PDB file of N, CA and C in Angstrom:
ATOM      1  N   MET A   1      24.468-227.447 -83.267  1.00  0.00           N
ATOM      2  CA  MET A   1      25.578-226.822 -82.517  1.00  0.00           C
ATOM      3  C   MET A   1      25.637-226.593 -81.116  1.00  0.00           C
ATOM      4  N   ASN A   2      26.376-226.652 -80.402  1.00  0.00           N
ATOM      5  CA  ASN A   2      26.308-226.194 -78.806  1.00  0.00           C
ATOM      6  C   ASN A   2      27.179-225.027 -78.768  1.00  0.00           C
ATOM      7  N   SER A   3      26.988-224.171 -77.734  1.00  0.00           N
ATOM      8  CA  SER A   3      27.284-222.889 -77.543  1.00  0.00           C
ATOM      9  C   SER A   3      29.222-223.043 -77.703  1.00  0.00           C
ATOM     10  N   ILE A   4      29.562-223.935 -76.935  1.00  0.00           N
ATOM     11  CA  ILE A   4      31.247-224.039 -77.354  1.00  0.00           C
ATOM     12  C   ILE A   4      31.626-224.082 -78.866  1.00  0.00           C
ATOM     13  N   GLU A   5      30.830-224.794 -79.591  1.00  0.00           N
ATOM     14  CA  GLU A   5      30.824-224.838 -81.168  1.00  0.00           C
ATOM     15  C   GLU A   5      30.910-223.461 -81.746  1.00  0.00           C
ATOM     16  N   ILE A   6      29.884-222.924 -81.085  1.00  0.00           N
ATOM     17  CA  ILE A   6      29.721-221.640 -81.890  1.00  0.00           C
ATOM     18  C   ILE A   6      30.583-220.494 -81.632  1.00  0.00           C
ATOM     19  N   VAL A   7      31.117-220.591 -80.383  1.00  0.00           N
ATOM     20  CA  VAL A   7      32.025-219.809 -79.828  1.00  0.00           C
ATOM     21  C   VAL A   7      33.368-220.101 -80.733  1.00  0.00           C
ATOM     22  N   GLU A   8      34.093-221.161 -81.020  1.00  0.00           N
ATOM     23  CA  GLU A   8      35.039-221.587 -81.669  1.00  0.00           C
ATOM     24  C   GLU A   8      35.164-221.281 -83.025  1.00  0.00           C
ATOM     25  N   LYS A   9      33.653-221.490 -83.728  1.00  0.00           N
ATOM     26  CA  LYS A   9      33.491-221.149 -85.094  1.00  0.00           C
ATOM     27  C   LYS A   9      33.560-219.563 -85.166  1.00  0.00           C
ATOM     28  N   TYR A  10      33.024-218.589 -83.940  1.00  0.00           N
ATOM     29  CA  TYR A  10      33.031-217.473 -84.119  1.00  0.00           C
ATOM     30  C   TYR A  10      34.599-216.959 -84.454  1.00  0.00           C
ATOM     31  N   TYR A  11      35.259-217.312 -83.476  1.00  0.00           N
ATOM     32  CA  TYR A  11      36.771-217.139 -83.206  1.00  0.00           C
ATOM     33  C   TYR A  11      37.407-217.687 -84.261  1.00  0.00           C
ATOM     34  N   GLU A  12      37.310-218.426 -85.050  1.00  0.00           N
ATOM     35  CA  GLU A  12      37.941-219.245 -86.318  1.00  0.00           C
ATOM     36  C   GLU A  12      37.831-218.204 -87.263  1.00  0.00           C
ATOM     37  N   ALA A  13      36.422-217.667 -87.770  1.00  0.00           N
ATOM     38  CA  ALA A  13      35.869-216.774 -88.712  1.00  0.00           C
ATOM     39  C   ALA A  13      36.602-215.449 -88.338  1.00  0.00           C
ATOM     40  N   PHE A  14      36.785-214.823 -87.242  1.00  0.00           N
ATOM     41  CA  PHE A  14      37.401-213.641 -86.818  1.00  0.00           C
ATOM     42  C   PHE A  14      38.639-213.707 -87.384  1.00  0.00           C
ATOM     43  N   ASN A  15      39.432-215.058 -87.040  1.00  0.00           N
ATOM     44  CA  ASN A  15      41.070-214.836 -87.336  1.00  0.00           C
ATOM     45  C   ASN A  15      41.133-214.970 -88.753  1.00  0.00           C
ATOM     46  N   GLN A  16      40.174-215.715 -89.559  1.00  0.00           N
ATOM     47  CA  GLN A  16      40.221-215.571 -90.657  1.00  0.00           C
ATOM     48  C   GLN A  16      39.761-214.469 -91.658  1.00  0.00           C
ATOM     49  N   GLN A  17      39.325-213.273 -90.823  1.00  0.00           N
ATOM     50  CA  GLN A  17      38.801-212.309 -91.154  1.00  0.00           C
ATOM     51  C   GLN A  17      37.493-212.581 -92.300  1.00  0.00           C
ATOM     52  N   ASN A  18      36.847-213.567 -91.987  1.00  0.00           N
ATOM     53  CA  ASN A  18      35.557-213.667 -92.473  1.00  0.00           C
ATOM     54  C   ASN A  18      34.301-213.219 -91.915  1.00  0.00           C
ATOM     55  N   TRP A  19      34.168-211.856 -92.208  1.00  0.00           N
ATOM     56  CA  TRP A  19      33.171-211.230 -91.163  1.00  0.00           C
ATOM     57  C   TRP A  19      31.686-211.428 -91.618  1.00  0.00           C
ATOM     58  N   ASP A  20      31.454-212.191 -92.800  1.00  0.00           N
ATOM     59  CA  ASP A  20      30.265-212.726 -93.074  1.00  0.00           C
ATOM     60  C   ASP A  20      29.961-214.010 -92.104  1.00  0.00           C
ATOM     61  N   ALA A  21      30.797-214.897 -92.225  1.00  0.00           N
ATOM     62  CA  ALA A  21      30.542-216.235 -91.279  1.00  0.00           C
ATOM     63  C   ALA A  21      30.535-215.808 -89.815  1.00  0.00           C
ATOM     64  N   MET A  22      31.212-214.815 -89.684  1.00  0.00           N
ATOM     65  CA  MET A  22      31.436-214.408 -87.989  1.00  0.00           C
ATOM     66  C   MET A  22      29.810-214.071 -87.780  1.00  0.00           C
ATOM     67  N   LEU A  23      29.387-213.213 -88.434  1.00  0.00           N
ATOM     68  CA  LEU A  23      28.239-212.288 -88.321  1.00  0.00           C
ATOM     69  C   LEU A  23      26.981-213.210 -88.502  1.00  0.00           C
ATOM     70  N   ALA A  24      27.065-214.476 -89.262  1.00  0.00           N
ATOM     71  CA  ALA A  24      26.020-215.342 -89.783  1.00  0.00           C
ATOM     72  C   ALA A  24      25.934-216.256 -88.050  1.00  0.00           C
ATOM     73  N   LEU A  25      26.715-216.203 -87.321  1.00  0.00           N
ATOM     74  CA  LEU A  25      26.471-217.086 -86.103  1.00  0.00           C
ATOM     75  C   LEU A  25      26.382-216.212 -84.875  1.00  0.00           C
ATOM     76  N   VAL A  26      25.318-215.069 -84.899  1.00  0.00           N
ATOM     77  CA  VAL A  26      24.956-214.016 -83.937  1.00  0.00           C
ATOM     78  C   VAL A  26      23.622-214.039 -84.573  1.00  0.00           C
ATOM     79  N   HIS A  27      22.904-213.361 -83.405  1.00  0.00           N
ATOM     80  CA  HIS A  27      21.277-213.194 -83.571  1.00  0.00           C
ATOM     81  C   HIS A  27      21.454-211.860 -84.555  1.00  0.00           C
ATOM     82  N   PRO A  28      20.383-211.575 -85.161  1.00  0.00           N
ATOM     83  CA  PRO A  28      20.208-210.696 -86.414  1.00  0.00           C
ATOM     84  C   PRO A  28      20.380-209.224 -85.630  1.00  0.00           C
ATOM     85  N   ASN A  29      19.867-209.322 -84.357  1.00  0.00           N
ATOM     86  CA  ASN A  29      19.373-208.024 -83.830  1.00  0.00           C
ATOM     87  C   ASN A  29      20.724-207.714 -83.053  1.00  0.00           C
ATOM     88  N   ILE A  30      21.898-208.301 -83.224  1.00  0.00           N
ATOM     89  CA  ILE A  30      22.932-208.132 -82.399  1.00  0.00           C
ATOM     90  C   ILE A  30      23.809-206.816 -83.363  1.00  0.00           C
ATOM     91  N   ALA A  31      24.338-205.916 -82.738  1.00  0.00           N
ATOM     92  CA  ALA A  31      25.056-204.831 -83.424  1.00  0.00           C
ATOM     93  C   ALA A  31      26.434-205.208 -83.024  1.00  0.00           C
ATOM     94  N   HIS A  32      27.290-205.538 -83.739  1.00  0.00           N
ATOM     95  CA  HIS A  32      28.899-205.662 -83.841  1.00  0.00           C
ATOM     96  C   HIS A  32      29.516-204.469 -84.156  1.00  0.00           C
ATOM     97  N   GLU A  33      30.308-204.175 -82.985  1.00  0.00           N
ATOM     98  CA  GLU A  33      30.952-202.820 -83.097  1.00  0.00           C
ATOM     99  C   GLU A  33      32.544-202.815 -83.387  1.00  0.00           C
ATOM    100  N   PRO A  34      33.159-202.305 -84.126  1.00  0.00           N
ATOM    101  CA  PRO A  34      34.678-202.628 -84.183  1.00  0.00           C
ATOM    102  C   PRO A  34      35.337-201.985 -82.859  1.00  0.00           C
ATOM    103  N   ASN A  35      36.490-202.498 -82.397  1.00  0.00           N
ATOM    104  CA  ASN A  35      37.203-202.305 -81.428  1.00  0.00           C
ATOM    105  C   ASN A  35      37.502-200.692 -81.575  1.00  0.00           C
ATOM    106  N   GLN A  36      37.010-200.146 -80.234  1.00  0.00           N
ATOM    107  CA  GLN A  36      37.296-198.606 -80.386  1.00  0.00           C
ATOM    108  C   GLN A  36      38.680-197.980 -79.728  1.00  0.00           C
ATOM    109  N   GLU A  37      39.697-199.239 -79.403  1.00  0.00           N
ATOM    110  CA  GLU A  37      40.711-198.588 -78.989  1.00  0.00           C
ATOM    111  C   GLU A  37      41.703-198.107 -79.785  1.00  0.00           C
ATOM    112  N   LYS A  38      42.222-197.118 -79.417  1.00  0.00           N
ATOM    113  CA  LYS A  38      43.174-196.434 -80.785  1.00  0.00           C
ATOM    114  C   LYS A  38      44.919-197.033 -80.325  1.00  0.00           C
ATOM    115  N   ALA A  39      45.275-197.200 -81.295  1.00  0.00           N
ATOM    116  CA  ALA A  39      46.894-197.717 -81.515  1.00  0.00           C
ATOM    117  C   ALA A  39      47.676-196.572 -80.985  1.00  0.00           C
ATOM    118  N   ASP A  40      48.744-197.188 -80.402  1.00  0.00           N
ATOM    119  CA  ASP A  40      49.805-196.196 -79.964  1.00  0.00           C
ATOM    120  C   ASP A  40      50.686-195.724 -81.121  1.00  0.00           C
TER     121      ASP A  40
END
């Protein structure tokens, strides 16, 4: 899988709220933090 395919699959998993699939595409040492922006 090339880098473009990884990013496409990452966004697809994100849009499906499939967090496990999304995290499976990144290095295990990556700390994925949720968005810290506050809603109005």
